[in-house]
């Protein structure tokens, strides 16, 4: 077998990255947008995109995503190969140790071809040292879904004080169902988890003025809702404080965020929740958000 060459791309090699034959069944390769298009929009830095080659032919590829102001990538997005051993070695040699966001079609376990393609990737990233963290539903709203009517039970106010939001995050994280928050709490504590949530929302491109705190008519805080933007409009966060749970308020918060983004002209709104967060999944279904994808988030221990 010829020697394996593993290296990052250099400028002008986008076509080399795209030259790998793929099954287009799983991951970012299964999407409608190509790597070339996303790279042209500035979604990927060329030195965060790696290939493994034999005799000059690409046999594995990986691309890590990060924002334009990020010093290091945030997540592994693209991961495809025709040589599984080369793919594992690529992940081991590349310096990035981020989460892998593995996109899958809804009901992927019921399709033998998709299941086989998914298991091949999962086997490779597991061999490279990653473990599953959580499975998620990814939703995609379009105007054809309709804008759900506001229940009218809550009052929504912008809140410029970050400390108010941090306090709400602290309260919510005491009994959160979110796997990422639970991981941070276990490693670094509740304060770090609250700050991580704030930092993530600050990282988004949407205006800070869109962040809203929800109140009962009597003035009690219910939670927060953050319509914002990533590469497209997104539901950045919806959360209810523990003492207000059990009333279905997550739906009210989601509806308010949907109204805001729709009023801003959104033609798509992306959102997601952990599969284990049943109340939030029910809120998305009630609000008319169809499941667009499923996702497995894998991490390095």
Foldseek 3Di string as FASTA:
>chain_A
DADKDKAFADPPCPVLQVQEDFPLAWFPSVDPDDPVRCVVVVFFDRRQKMFIDGPSHTFWIWTFGDDPPDPAGAEIGDTGGNDLVSSLVNLLPDPDFHKYKIWHFPPQVVDVVSVVRVVSVVVSVVSNFKDFQFKKFKWKDFCVLPQDDAPPFKDKDQDPDVVVQLVLQLQQLVDDPARVLVVCCVVPRSSVSSVVLVVQLVPFDFDSRQKIWIAGPVGHTFGIWHFGHHVATEGSDFTGGPVNPPPLCSLNRVSVSSVVVVVVPGRMYMYMDTPVPVSNVVSCVVRRTDGGIMIIIMGRD
